[in-house]
């Protein structure tokens, strides 16, 4: 084999293992979370009395934002894998960084390079202020690997990290003079934070042994699978309870259309079913298989929130996400990766 052919093969192998490490079924988490921000910005620019200087973004701008949002999870996942190699030796020994198929340093440099490209695109083509949330998202991802060792702190940090995608989507869409600190905006961010904090709690069941060995005091490690399985089913009602409280306290008073109600009911079912699955199977291979329902519950819950601003878009994203989260998850069936 010639030197050129060897180099080409090495590059192709690196790209393949890098993409594999991105775990693209997760991309819907940041993608749909960010799209809530885009949909909200369009709503403000078109219909809302809160409108100041907002202008609905053209399709090509929304496409760029969508690509950045969907890729952001995978790019940050490489950083997360780099920092979590010790527990992954037990939890996921087949991951490319653990097996040596993906050079950790090279992968890390590529991720930081792609983040730099995202920053340049944001500054010159989108809106410079959105860089605040891009930077915050990357910083929270770095903090998360350490925060997950301190009980609920890891869940709090993870939820905050995903809300940065929503804020990025909104502020990258176009100019604005209005503040994020309006009660109806905060209420949506609270729900996004809670949905994702809960979603990551369920992922800790499959990582129990490795997290325990690495000294990561997640809720599952801290309380053991016996108590955690009860928390799993009890906490599945939290998003619904919090939504009702937000309505009672009038933090969110927007009219609820029929699309939101239908998608909301379907989401509640998925959330409760996720809790039931982890209650029934807190250990073993089924903890990995249950992730598919867990991710669907989280992503579809976020898609349902879009119905508050754009019912038709929400319906399409809900169905699209439900189908493709399952499809892409099936391509990554190895529980050790």
C-alpha atoms as a PDB file:
ATOM      1  CA  UNK A   1       0.000   0.000   0.000  1.00  0.00           C
ATOM      2  CA  UNK A   2       1.356   3.438  -0.941  1.00  0.00           C
ATOM      3  CA  UNK A   3       1.936   6.169   1.610  1.00  0.00           C
ATOM      4  CA  UNK A   4      -0.882   8.227   0.094  1.00  0.00           C
ATOM      5  CA  UNK A   5      -3.295   5.302   0.278  1.00  0.00           C
ATOM      6  CA  UNK A   6      -2.303   4.668   3.899  1.00  0.00           C
ATOM      7  CA  UNK A   7      -2.875   8.331   4.777  1.00  0.00           C
ATOM      8  CA  UNK A   8      -6.277   8.327   3.062  1.00  0.00           C
ATOM      9  CA  UNK A   9      -7.265   5.151   4.910  1.00  0.00           C
ATOM     10  CA  UNK A  10      -6.185   6.674   8.233  1.00  0.00           C
ATOM     11  CA  UNK A  11      -8.207   9.819   7.606  1.00  0.00           C
ATOM     12  CA  UNK A  12     -11.303   7.864   6.576  1.00  0.00           C
ATOM     13  CA  UNK A  13     -10.997   5.666   9.671  1.00  0.00           C
ATOM     14  CA  UNK A  14     -10.692   8.767  11.865  1.00  0.00           C
ATOM     15  CA  UNK A  15     -13.781  10.334  10.286  1.00  0.00           C
ATOM     16  CA  UNK A  16     -15.783   7.112  10.665  1.00  0.00           C
ATOM     17  CA  UNK A  17     -14.844   6.679  14.334  1.00  0.00           C
ATOM     18  CA  UNK A  18     -15.398  10.380  15.048  1.00  0.00           C
ATOM     19  CA  UNK A  19     -18.920  10.244  13.600  1.00  0.00           C
ATOM     20  CA  UNK A  20     -19.585   7.029  15.494  1.00  0.00           C
ATOM     21  CA  UNK A  21     -18.522   8.752  18.725  1.00  0.00           C
ATOM     22  CA  UNK A  22     -20.917  11.646  18.040  1.00  0.00           C
ATOM     23  CA  UNK A  23     -23.864   9.275  18.716  1.00  0.00           C
ATOM     24  CA  UNK A  24     -26.160  11.117  16.345  1.00  0.00           C
ATOM     25  CA  UNK A  25     -29.411   9.983  17.967  1.00  0.00           C
ATOM     26  CA  UNK A  26     -28.518  12.498  20.682  1.00  0.00           C
ATOM     27  CA  UNK A  27     -28.390  15.280  18.082  1.00  0.00           C
ATOM     28  CA  UNK A  28     -32.165  15.642  18.226  1.00  0.00           C
ATOM     29  CA  UNK A  29     -31.801  16.764  21.852  1.00  0.00           C
ATOM     30  CA  UNK A  30     -29.903  19.960  21.001  1.00  0.00           C
ATOM     31  CA  UNK A  31     -31.512  20.222  17.565  1.00  0.00           C
ATOM     32  CA  UNK A  32     -35.111  20.374  18.760  1.00  0.00           C
ATOM     33  CA  UNK A  33     -34.217  22.347  21.896  1.00  0.00           C
ATOM     34  CA  UNK A  34     -32.587  24.964  19.691  1.00  0.00           C
ATOM     35  CA  UNK A  35     -35.476  24.940  17.278  1.00  0.00           C
ATOM     36  CA  UNK A  36     -37.774  26.030  20.110  1.00  0.00           C
ATOM     37  CA  UNK A  37     -35.732  29.227  20.200  1.00  0.00           C
ATOM     38  CA  UNK A  38     -35.970  29.703  16.431  1.00  0.00           C
ATOM     39  CA  UNK A  39     -39.737  29.082  16.428  1.00  0.00           C
ATOM     40  CA  UNK A  40     -40.199  31.510  19.305  1.00  0.00           C
ATOM     41  CA  UNK A  41     -38.152  34.211  17.567  1.00  0.00           C
ATOM     42  CA  UNK A  42     -40.239  33.802  14.400  1.00  0.00           C
ATOM     43  CA  UNK A  43     -43.410  34.042  16.461  1.00  0.00           C
ATOM     44  CA  UNK A  44     -42.227  37.269  18.113  1.00  0.00           C
ATOM     45  CA  UNK A  45     -41.142  38.722  14.755  1.00  0.00           C
ATOM     46  CA  UNK A  46     -44.475  37.886  13.135  1.00  0.00           C
ATOM     47  CA  UNK A  47     -47.258  37.958  15.725  1.00  0.00           C
ATOM     48  CA  UNK A  48     -46.166  38.956  19.224  1.00  0.00           C
ATOM     49  CA  UNK A  49     -46.760  42.341  20.918  1.00  0.00           C
ATOM     50  CA  UNK A  50     -43.254  41.892  22.392  1.00  0.00           C
ATOM     51  CA  UNK A  51     -41.805  42.638  18.940  1.00  0.00           C
ATOM     52  CA  UNK A  52     -39.148  45.368  18.777  1.00  0.00           C
ATOM     53  CA  UNK A  53     -36.666  45.012  15.895  1.00  0.00           C
ATOM     54  CA  UNK A  54     -37.124  41.288  15.267  1.00  0.00           C
ATOM     55  CA  UNK A  55     -37.253  40.164  11.630  1.00  0.00           C
ATOM     56  CA  UNK A  56     -38.196  36.605  10.669  1.00  0.00           C
ATOM     57  CA  UNK A  57     -35.033  34.827   9.419  1.00  0.00           C
ATOM     58  CA  UNK A  58     -34.912  33.611   5.796  1.00  0.00           C
ATOM     59  CA  UNK A  59     -34.934  29.831   5.112  1.00  0.00           C
ATOM     60  CA  UNK A  60     -31.210  29.643   4.373  1.00  0.00           C
ATOM     61  CA  UNK A  61     -30.364  31.253   7.716  1.00  0.00           C
ATOM     62  CA  UNK A  62     -32.644  28.845   9.564  1.00  0.00           C
ATOM     63  CA  UNK A  63     -30.992  25.935   7.743  1.00  0.00           C
ATOM     64  CA  UNK A  64     -27.544  27.053   8.940  1.00  0.00           C
ATOM     65  CA  UNK A  65     -28.810  27.388  12.514  1.00  0.00           C
ATOM     66  CA  UNK A  66     -30.436  23.949  12.302  1.00  0.00           C
ATOM     67  CA  UNK A  67     -27.207  22.320  11.079  1.00  0.00           C
ATOM     68  CA  UNK A  68     -25.185  23.972  13.850  1.00  0.00           C
ATOM     69  CA  UNK A  69     -27.713  22.898  16.481  1.00  0.00           C
ATOM     70  CA  UNK A  70     -27.844  19.279  15.348  1.00  0.00           C
ATOM     71  CA  UNK A  71     -24.079  18.955  15.126  1.00  0.00           C
ATOM     72  CA  UNK A  72     -23.417  20.726  18.417  1.00  0.00           C
ATOM     73  CA  UNK A  73     -24.296  17.684  20.517  1.00  0.00           C
ATOM     74  CA  UNK A  74     -21.941  15.382  18.652  1.00  0.00           C
ATOM     75  CA  UNK A  75     -19.077  17.871  18.714  1.00  0.00           C
ATOM     76  CA  UNK A  76     -19.460  18.359  22.462  1.00  0.00           C
ATOM     77  CA  UNK A  77     -19.903  14.610  22.956  1.00  0.00           C
ATOM     78  CA  UNK A  78     -16.312  14.100  21.822  1.00  0.00           C
ATOM     79  CA  UNK A  79     -15.191  16.437  24.623  1.00  0.00           C
ATOM     80  CA  UNK A  80     -17.389  14.560  27.085  1.00  0.00           C
ATOM     81  CA  UNK A  81     -15.925  11.218  25.960  1.00  0.00           C
ATOM     82  CA  UNK A  82     -12.406  12.605  26.333  1.00  0.00           C
ATOM     83  CA  UNK A  83     -13.063  13.672  29.927  1.00  0.00           C
ATOM     84  CA  UNK A  84     -14.963  10.508  30.846  1.00  0.00           C
ATOM     85  CA  UNK A  85     -12.561   7.857  29.565  1.00  0.00           C
ATOM     86  CA  UNK A  86     -12.008   6.293  33.014  1.00  0.00           C
ATOM     87  CA  UNK A  87     -15.637   5.384  33.674  1.00  0.00           C
ATOM     88  CA  UNK A  88     -16.109   4.497  29.996  1.00  0.00           C
ATOM     89  CA  UNK A  89     -13.535   1.712  30.402  1.00  0.00           C
ATOM     90  CA  UNK A  90     -16.255  -0.031  32.426  1.00  0.00           C
ATOM     91  CA  UNK A  91     -19.497   1.496  31.096  1.00  0.00           C
ATOM     92  CA  UNK A  92     -18.625   1.599  27.410  1.00  0.00           C
ATOM     93  CA  UNK A  93     -15.392  -0.314  26.658  1.00  0.00           C
ATOM     94  CA  UNK A  94     -16.199  -0.415  22.929  1.00  0.00           C
ATOM     95  CA  UNK A  95     -16.175   3.347  22.463  1.00  0.00           C
ATOM     96  CA  UNK A  96     -13.553   4.379  19.887  1.00  0.00           C
ATOM     97  CA  UNK A  97     -11.526   6.475  22.356  1.00  0.00           C
ATOM     98  CA  UNK A  98     -11.363   3.585  24.815  1.00  0.00           C
ATOM     99  CA  UNK A  99     -10.441   0.971  22.204  1.00  0.00           C
ATOM    100  CA  UNK A 100      -7.829   3.257  20.641  1.00  0.00           C
ATOM    101  CA  UNK A 101      -9.563   3.437  17.243  1.00  0.00           C
ATOM    102  CA  UNK A 102     -10.022   7.186  17.730  1.00  0.00           C
ATOM    103  CA  UNK A 103      -7.035   9.243  18.808  1.00  0.00           C
ATOM    104  CA  UNK A 104      -8.302  11.252  21.829  1.00  0.00           C
ATOM    105  CA  UNK A 105      -6.052  14.277  21.296  1.00  0.00           C
ATOM    106  CA  UNK A 106      -6.767  14.530  17.580  1.00  0.00           C
ATOM    107  CA  UNK A 107     -10.518  14.152  18.157  1.00  0.00           C
ATOM    108  CA  UNK A 108     -10.444  16.842  20.839  1.00  0.00           C
ATOM    109  CA  UNK A 109      -8.593  19.238  18.525  1.00  0.00           C
ATOM    110  CA  UNK A 110     -11.109  18.591  15.727  1.00  0.00           C
ATOM    111  CA  UNK A 111     -13.987  19.349  18.091  1.00  0.00           C
ATOM    112  CA  UNK A 112     -12.445  22.611  19.233  1.00  0.00           C
ATOM    113  CA  UNK A 113     -11.746  23.447  15.601  1.00  0.00           C
ATOM    114  CA  UNK A 114     -15.402  22.855  14.697  1.00  0.00           C
ATOM    115  CA  UNK A 115     -16.504  24.970  17.663  1.00  0.00           C
ATOM    116  CA  UNK A 116     -14.274  27.752  16.323  1.00  0.00           C
ATOM    117  CA  UNK A 117     -15.904  27.413  12.890  1.00  0.00           C
ATOM    118  CA  UNK A 118     -19.333  27.629  14.556  1.00  0.00           C
ATOM    119  CA  UNK A 119     -18.246  30.785  16.366  1.00  0.00           C
ATOM    120  CA  UNK A 120     -17.012  32.367  13.119  1.00  0.00           C
ATOM    121  CA  UNK A 121     -20.263  31.537  11.318  1.00  0.00           C
ATOM    122  CA  UNK A 122     -22.249  32.924  14.241  1.00  0.00           C
ATOM    123  CA  UNK A 123     -20.240  36.167  14.335  1.00  0.00           C
ATOM    124  CA  UNK A 124     -20.185  36.918  10.625  1.00  0.00           C
ATOM    125  CA  UNK A 125     -23.430  35.362   9.331  1.00  0.00           C
ATOM    126  CA  UNK A 126     -25.804  34.972  12.262  1.00  0.00           C
ATOM    127  CA  UNK A 127     -25.874  37.236  15.341  1.00  0.00           C
ATOM    128  CA  UNK A 128     -22.727  37.920  17.419  1.00  0.00           C
ATOM    129  CA  UNK A 129     -24.668  38.026  20.703  1.00  0.00           C
ATOM    130  CA  UNK A 130     -25.522  34.327  20.254  1.00  0.00           C
ATOM    131  CA  UNK A 131     -21.847  33.589  20.969  1.00  0.00           C
ATOM    132  CA  UNK A 132     -22.635  34.125  24.655  1.00  0.00           C
ATOM    133  CA  UNK A 133     -24.814  31.015  24.650  1.00  0.00           C
ATOM    134  CA  UNK A 134     -22.438  29.041  22.449  1.00  0.00           C
ATOM    135  CA  UNK A 135     -19.655  29.686  24.943  1.00  0.00           C
ATOM    136  CA  UNK A 136     -21.909  28.919  27.900  1.00  0.00           C
ATOM    137  CA  UNK A 137     -22.954  25.619  26.345  1.00  0.00           C
ATOM    138  CA  UNK A 138     -19.352  24.510  25.800  1.00  0.00           C
ATOM    139  CA  UNK A 139     -18.384  25.613  29.329  1.00  0.00           C
ATOM    140  CA  UNK A 140     -21.310  23.735  30.893  1.00  0.00           C
ATOM    141  CA  UNK A 141     -20.343  20.605  28.956  1.00  0.00           C
ATOM    142  CA  UNK A 142     -16.871  20.800  30.481  1.00  0.00           C
ATOM    143  CA  UNK A 143     -18.353  21.332  33.949  1.00  0.00           C
ATOM    144  CA  UNK A 144     -20.851  18.495  33.510  1.00  0.00           C
ATOM    145  CA  UNK A 145     -18.291  15.689  33.561  1.00  0.00           C
ATOM    146  CA  UNK A 146     -17.286  16.776  37.070  1.00  0.00           C
ATOM    147  CA  UNK A 147     -20.742  17.890  38.242  1.00  0.00           C
ATOM    148  CA  UNK A 148     -22.245  14.434  37.616  1.00  0.00           C
ATOM    149  CA  UNK A 149     -20.137  13.212  40.521  1.00  0.00           C
ATOM    150  CA  UNK A 150     -22.215  15.284  42.969  1.00  0.00           C
ATOM    151  CA  UNK A 151     -25.750  13.934  42.944  1.00  0.00           C
ATOM    152  CA  UNK A 152     -28.372  16.174  41.358  1.00  0.00           C
ATOM    153  CA  UNK A 153     -25.771  18.796  40.390  1.00  0.00           C
ATOM    154  CA  UNK A 154     -24.977  16.823  37.241  1.00  0.00           C
ATOM    155  CA  UNK A 155     -28.653  16.830  36.238  1.00  0.00           C
ATOM    156  CA  UNK A 156     -28.925  20.557  36.935  1.00  0.00           C
ATOM    157  CA  UNK A 157     -25.860  21.343  34.822  1.00  0.00           C
ATOM    158  CA  UNK A 158     -26.969  19.087  31.963  1.00  0.00           C
ATOM    159  CA  UNK A 159     -30.415  20.702  31.849  1.00  0.00           C
ATOM    160  CA  UNK A 160     -28.840  24.169  31.806  1.00  0.00           C
ATOM    161  CA  UNK A 161     -26.491  23.099  29.020  1.00  0.00           C
ATOM    162  CA  UNK A 162     -29.412  22.146  26.760  1.00  0.00           C
ATOM    163  CA  UNK A 163     -31.266  25.408  27.498  1.00  0.00           C
ATOM    164  CA  UNK A 164     -28.237  27.158  26.007  1.00  0.00           C
ATOM    165  CA  UNK A 165     -29.185  25.540  22.674  1.00  0.00           C
ATOM    166  CA  UNK A 166     -32.640  27.132  22.936  1.00  0.00           C
ATOM    167  CA  UNK A 167     -31.180  30.542  23.711  1.00  0.00           C
ATOM    168  CA  UNK A 168     -28.631  30.175  20.914  1.00  0.00           C
ATOM    169  CA  UNK A 169     -31.387  29.312  18.438  1.00  0.00           C
ATOM    170  CA  UNK A 170     -33.415  32.367  19.452  1.00  0.00           C
ATOM    171  CA  UNK A 171     -30.596  34.898  19.539  1.00  0.00           C
ATOM    172  CA  UNK A 172     -28.890  33.573  16.390  1.00  0.00           C
ATOM    173  CA  UNK A 173     -32.108  34.008  14.382  1.00  0.00           C
ATOM    174  CA  UNK A 174     -31.965  37.774  14.169  1.00  0.00           C
ATOM    175  CA  UNK A 175     -31.619  41.097  15.996  1.00  0.00           C
ATOM    176  CA  UNK A 176     -33.592  41.777  19.154  1.00  0.00           C
ATOM    177  CA  UNK A 177     -33.833  44.383  21.886  1.00  0.00           C
ATOM    178  CA  UNK A 178     -36.106  42.429  24.204  1.00  0.00           C
ATOM    179  CA  UNK A 179     -34.863  40.630  27.306  1.00  0.00           C
ATOM    180  CA  UNK A 180     -34.936  36.906  27.951  1.00  0.00           C
ATOM    181  CA  UNK A 181     -36.202  37.541  31.484  1.00  0.00           C
ATOM    182  CA  UNK A 182     -39.921  37.592  30.706  1.00  0.00           C
ATOM    183  CA  UNK A 183     -42.072  35.158  32.693  1.00  0.00           C
ATOM    184  CA  UNK A 184     -43.427  33.229  29.680  1.00  0.00           C
ATOM    185  CA  UNK A 185     -39.894  32.840  28.303  1.00  0.00           C
ATOM    186  CA  UNK A 186     -38.496  31.690  31.630  1.00  0.00           C
ATOM    187  CA  UNK A 187     -41.338  29.179  31.978  1.00  0.00           C
ATOM    188  CA  UNK A 188     -40.401  27.539  28.662  1.00  0.00           C
ATOM    189  CA  UNK A 189     -36.728  27.442  29.666  1.00  0.00           C
ATOM    190  CA  UNK A 190     -37.677  25.837  32.992  1.00  0.00           C
ATOM    191  CA  UNK A 191     -39.530  23.069  31.159  1.00  0.00           C
ATOM    192  CA  UNK A 192     -36.641  22.487  28.738  1.00  0.00           C
ATOM    193  CA  UNK A 193     -34.228  22.365  31.673  1.00  0.00           C
ATOM    194  CA  UNK A 194     -36.420  19.902  33.598  1.00  0.00           C
ATOM    195  CA  UNK A 195     -37.105  17.615  30.621  1.00  0.00           C
ATOM    196  CA  UNK A 196     -33.393  17.255  29.942  1.00  0.00           C
ATOM    197  CA  UNK A 197     -32.337  17.003  33.593  1.00  0.00           C
ATOM    198  CA  UNK A 198     -34.798  14.122  33.922  1.00  0.00           C
ATOM    199  CA  UNK A 199     -33.632  12.520  30.680  1.00  0.00           C
ATOM    200  CA  UNK A 200     -30.005  12.437  31.839  1.00  0.00           C
ATOM    201  CA  UNK A 201     -31.052  10.976  35.212  1.00  0.00           C
ATOM    202  CA  UNK A 202     -32.377   7.912  33.406  1.00  0.00           C
ATOM    203  CA  UNK A 203     -29.114   7.517  31.472  1.00  0.00           C
ATOM    204  CA  UNK A 204     -27.273   7.004  34.771  1.00  0.00           C
ATOM    205  CA  UNK A 205     -28.875   3.575  35.269  1.00  0.00           C
ATOM    206  CA  UNK A 206     -26.851   2.012  32.434  1.00  0.00           C
ATOM    207  CA  UNK A 207     -23.679   3.692  33.748  1.00  0.00           C
ATOM    208  CA  UNK A 208     -24.145   2.582  37.364  1.00  0.00           C
ATOM    209  CA  UNK A 209     -21.163   0.221  37.617  1.00  0.00           C
ATOM    210  CA  UNK A 210     -18.672   2.471  35.850  1.00  0.00           C
ATOM    211  CA  UNK A 211     -19.789   5.630  37.652  1.00  0.00           C
ATOM    212  CA  UNK A 212     -19.553   3.828  40.978  1.00  0.00           C
ATOM    213  CA  UNK A 213     -16.040   2.565  40.209  1.00  0.00           C
ATOM    214  CA  UNK A 214     -14.939   6.039  39.064  1.00  0.00           C
ATOM    215  CA  UNK A 215     -16.352   7.721  42.172  1.00  0.00           C
ATOM    216  CA  UNK A 216     -19.121   9.545  40.298  1.00  0.00           C
ATOM    217  CA  UNK A 217     -21.866  10.052  42.874  1.00  0.00           C
ATOM    218  CA  UNK A 218     -24.837  10.216  40.521  1.00  0.00           C
ATOM    219  CA  UNK A 219     -28.285   9.774  42.058  1.00  0.00           C
ATOM    220  CA  UNK A 220     -28.286   6.108  41.020  1.00  0.00           C
ATOM    221  CA  UNK A 221     -24.897   5.531  42.670  1.00  0.00           C
ATOM    222  CA  UNK A 222     -25.763   7.610  45.719  1.00  0.00           C
ATOM    223  CA  UNK A 223     -29.040   5.861  46.529  1.00  0.00           C
ATOM    224  CA  UNK A 224     -28.521   2.512  44.808  1.00  0.00           C
ATOM    225  CA  UNK A 225     -30.715   1.013  42.120  1.00  0.00           C
ATOM    226  CA  UNK A 226     -33.366  -0.038  44.662  1.00  0.00           C
ATOM    227  CA  UNK A 227     -34.255   3.523  45.671  1.00  0.00           C
ATOM    228  CA  UNK A 228     -33.375   5.014  42.284  1.00  0.00           C
ATOM    229  CA  UNK A 229     -35.965   2.822  40.542  1.00  0.00           C
ATOM    230  CA  UNK A 230     -38.653   4.364  42.772  1.00  0.00           C
ATOM    231  CA  UNK A 231     -37.312   7.837  41.958  1.00  0.00           C
ATOM    232  CA  UNK A 232     -37.474   6.887  38.282  1.00  0.00           C
ATOM    233  CA  UNK A 233     -41.208   6.352  38.267  1.00  0.00           C
ATOM    234  CA  UNK A 234     -41.981   9.186  40.707  1.00  0.00           C
ATOM    235  CA  UNK A 235     -39.924  11.783  38.831  1.00  0.00           C
ATOM    236  CA  UNK A 236     -41.593  10.922  35.514  1.00  0.00           C
ATOM    237  CA  UNK A 237     -44.546  13.045  36.683  1.00  0.00           C
ATOM    238  CA  UNK A 238     -42.379  16.110  37.401  1.00  0.00           C
ATOM    239  CA  UNK A 239     -42.652  17.846  33.989  1.00  0.00           C
ATOM    240  CA  UNK A 240     -46.456  17.614  34.126  1.00  0.00           C
ATOM    241  CA  UNK A 241     -46.590  18.858  37.717  1.00  0.00           C
ATOM    242  CA  UNK A 242     -44.272  21.777  36.963  1.00  0.00           C
ATOM    243  CA  UNK A 243     -46.259  22.720  33.855  1.00  0.00           C
ATOM    244  CA  UNK A 244     -49.475  22.812  35.882  1.00  0.00           C
ATOM    245  CA  UNK A 245     -47.765  24.960  38.547  1.00  0.00           C
ATOM    246  CA  UNK A 246     -46.523  27.379  35.878  1.00  0.00           C
ATOM    247  CA  UNK A 247     -50.093  27.762  34.668  1.00  0.00           C
ATOM    248  CA  UNK A 248     -51.517  28.170  38.182  1.00  0.00           C
ATOM    249  CA  UNK A 249     -48.938  30.816  39.114  1.00  0.00           C
ATOM    250  CA  UNK A 250     -49.585  32.544  35.764  1.00  0.00           C
ATOM    251  CA  UNK A 251     -45.927  32.390  34.758  1.00  0.00           C
ATOM    252  CA  UNK A 252     -47.204  31.003  31.497  1.00  0.00           C
ATOM    253  CA  UNK A 253     -50.618  32.239  30.389  1.00  0.00           C
ATOM    254  CA  UNK A 254     -50.507  31.671  26.631  1.00  0.00           C
ATOM    255  CA  UNK A 255     -53.600  29.934  25.185  1.00  0.00           C
ATOM    256  CA  UNK A 256     -53.185  26.177  24.748  1.00  0.00           C
ATOM    257  CA  UNK A 257     -54.099  25.054  21.230  1.00  0.00           C
ATOM    258  CA  UNK A 258     -55.356  21.574  20.415  1.00  0.00           C
ATOM    259  CA  UNK A 259     -52.050  20.531  18.811  1.00  0.00           C
ATOM    260  CA  UNK A 260     -50.147  21.331  21.995  1.00  0.00           C
ATOM    261  CA  UNK A 261     -52.685  19.431  24.109  1.00  0.00           C
ATOM    262  CA  UNK A 262     -52.522  16.322  21.904  1.00  0.00           C
ATOM    263  CA  UNK A 263     -48.714  16.324  21.696  1.00  0.00           C
ATOM    264  CA  UNK A 264     -48.515  17.091  25.405  1.00  0.00           C
ATOM    265  CA  UNK A 265     -50.648  14.071  26.301  1.00  0.00           C
ATOM    266  CA  UNK A 266     -48.491  11.829  24.088  1.00  0.00           C
ATOM    267  CA  UNK A 267     -45.366  13.240  25.753  1.00  0.00           C
ATOM    268  CA  UNK A 268     -46.729  12.566  29.244  1.00  0.00           C
ATOM    269  CA  UNK A 269     -47.327   8.951  28.240  1.00  0.00           C
ATOM    270  CA  UNK A 270     -43.738   8.621  26.956  1.00  0.00           C
ATOM    271  CA  UNK A 271     -42.350  10.194  30.135  1.00  0.00           C
ATOM    272  CA  UNK A 272     -44.325   7.936  32.455  1.00  0.00           C
ATOM    273  CA  UNK A 273     -43.533   4.866  30.339  1.00  0.00           C
ATOM    274  CA  UNK A 274     -39.833   5.725  30.617  1.00  0.00           C
ATOM    275  CA  UNK A 275     -40.153   5.795  34.406  1.00  0.00           C
ATOM    276  CA  UNK A 276     -41.967   2.464  34.380  1.00  0.00           C
ATOM    277  CA  UNK A 277     -39.262   0.846  32.228  1.00  0.00           C
ATOM    278  CA  UNK A 278     -36.489   1.883  34.617  1.00  0.00           C
ATOM    279  CA  UNK A 279     -38.581   0.832  37.618  1.00  0.00           C
ATOM    280  CA  UNK A 280     -39.027  -2.618  36.112  1.00  0.00           C
ATOM    281  CA  UNK A 281     -35.433  -2.946  34.834  1.00  0.00           C
ATOM    282  CA  UNK A 282     -33.017  -0.771  36.844  1.00  0.00           C
ATOM    283  CA  UNK A 283     -30.068  -3.039  35.932  1.00  0.00           C
ATOM    284  CA  UNK A 284     -29.004  -5.218  33.023  1.00  0.00           C
ATOM    285  CA  UNK A 285     -29.095  -4.804  29.252  1.00  0.00           C
ATOM    286  CA  UNK A 286     -32.632  -3.412  29.270  1.00  0.00           C
ATOM    287  CA  UNK A 287     -31.369  -0.217  30.907  1.00  0.00           C
ATOM    288  CA  UNK A 288     -29.655   0.526  27.588  1.00  0.00           C
ATOM    289  CA  UNK A 289     -32.609  -0.570  25.466  1.00  0.00           C
ATOM    290  CA  UNK A 290     -34.891   1.746  27.483  1.00  0.00           C
ATOM    291  CA  UNK A 291     -32.801   4.717  26.373  1.00  0.00           C
ATOM    292  CA  UNK A 292     -34.698   4.763  23.087  1.00  0.00           C
ATOM    293  CA  UNK A 293     -37.964   5.554  24.880  1.00  0.00           C
ATOM    294  CA  UNK A 294     -36.122   7.957  27.184  1.00  0.00           C
ATOM    295  CA  UNK A 295     -34.690   9.974  24.280  1.00  0.00           C
ATOM    296  CA  UNK A 296     -38.017   9.968  22.480  1.00  0.00           C
ATOM    297  CA  UNK A 297     -39.741  11.306  25.595  1.00  0.00           C
ATOM    298  CA  UNK A 298     -37.203  14.102  25.958  1.00  0.00           C
ATOM    299  CA  UNK A 299     -37.058  15.136  22.311  1.00  0.00           C
ATOM    300  CA  UNK A 300     -40.789  14.805  21.657  1.00  0.00           C
ATOM    301  CA  UNK A 301     -41.485  16.782  24.833  1.00  0.00           C
ATOM    302  CA  UNK A 302     -39.400  19.604  23.425  1.00  0.00           C
ATOM    303  CA  UNK A 303     -41.131  19.362  20.042  1.00  0.00           C
ATOM    304  CA  UNK A 304     -44.493  19.645  21.816  1.00  0.00           C
ATOM    305  CA  UNK A 305     -43.429  23.001  23.298  1.00  0.00           C
ATOM    306  CA  UNK A 306     -43.005  24.385  19.774  1.00  0.00           C
ATOM    307  CA  UNK A 307     -46.781  23.979  19.339  1.00  0.00           C
ATOM    308  CA  UNK A 308     -47.214  27.010  21.603  1.00  0.00           C
ATOM    309  CA  UNK A 309     -45.730  29.126  18.785  1.00  0.00           C
ATOM    310  CA  UNK A 310     -46.140  27.055  15.617  1.00  0.00           C
ATOM    311  CA  UNK A 311     -48.590  24.119  15.839  1.00  0.00           C
ATOM    312  CA  UNK A 312     -47.986  22.780  12.321  1.00  0.00           C
ATOM    313  CA  UNK A 313     -44.194  22.774  12.714  1.00  0.00           C
ATOM    314  CA  UNK A 314     -44.520  21.116  16.115  1.00  0.00           C
ATOM    315  CA  UNK A 315     -46.620  18.273  14.693  1.00  0.00           C
ATOM    316  CA  UNK A 316     -44.088  17.585  11.944  1.00  0.00           C
ATOM    317  CA  UNK A 317     -41.085  17.769  14.281  1.00  0.00           C
ATOM    318  CA  UNK A 318     -42.791  15.538  16.842  1.00  0.00           C
ATOM    319  CA  UNK A 319     -43.433  12.801  14.261  1.00  0.00           C
ATOM    320  CA  UNK A 320     -40.068  13.245  12.550  1.00  0.00           C
ATOM    321  CA  UNK A 321     -38.206  13.085  15.879  1.00  0.00           C
ATOM    322  CA  UNK A 322     -40.104  10.053  17.129  1.00  0.00           C
ATOM    323  CA  UNK A 323     -39.337   8.107  13.970  1.00  0.00           C
ATOM    324  CA  UNK A 324     -35.718   9.113  13.442  1.00  0.00           C
ATOM    325  CA  UNK A 325     -34.579   8.930  17.067  1.00  0.00           C
ATOM    326  CA  UNK A 326     -35.613   5.273  16.954  1.00  0.00           C
ATOM    327  CA  UNK A 327     -34.101   4.724  13.514  1.00  0.00           C
ATOM    328  CA  UNK A 328     -30.698   6.207  14.390  1.00  0.00           C
ATOM    329  CA  UNK A 329     -30.717   4.532  17.805  1.00  0.00           C
ATOM    330  CA  UNK A 330     -31.111   1.161  16.076  1.00  0.00           C
ATOM    331  CA  UNK A 331     -27.876   1.871  14.207  1.00  0.00           C
ATOM    332  CA  UNK A 332     -26.070   2.174  17.557  1.00  0.00           C
ATOM    333  CA  UNK A 333     -27.373  -0.891  19.323  1.00  0.00           C
ATOM    334  CA  UNK A 334     -24.104  -1.800  21.026  1.00  0.00           C
ATOM    335  CA  UNK A 335     -24.677  -1.103  24.777  1.00  0.00           C
ATOM    336  CA  UNK A 336     -20.905  -1.064  25.324  1.00  0.00           C
ATOM    337  CA  UNK A 337     -20.378   1.919  23.043  1.00  0.00           C
END
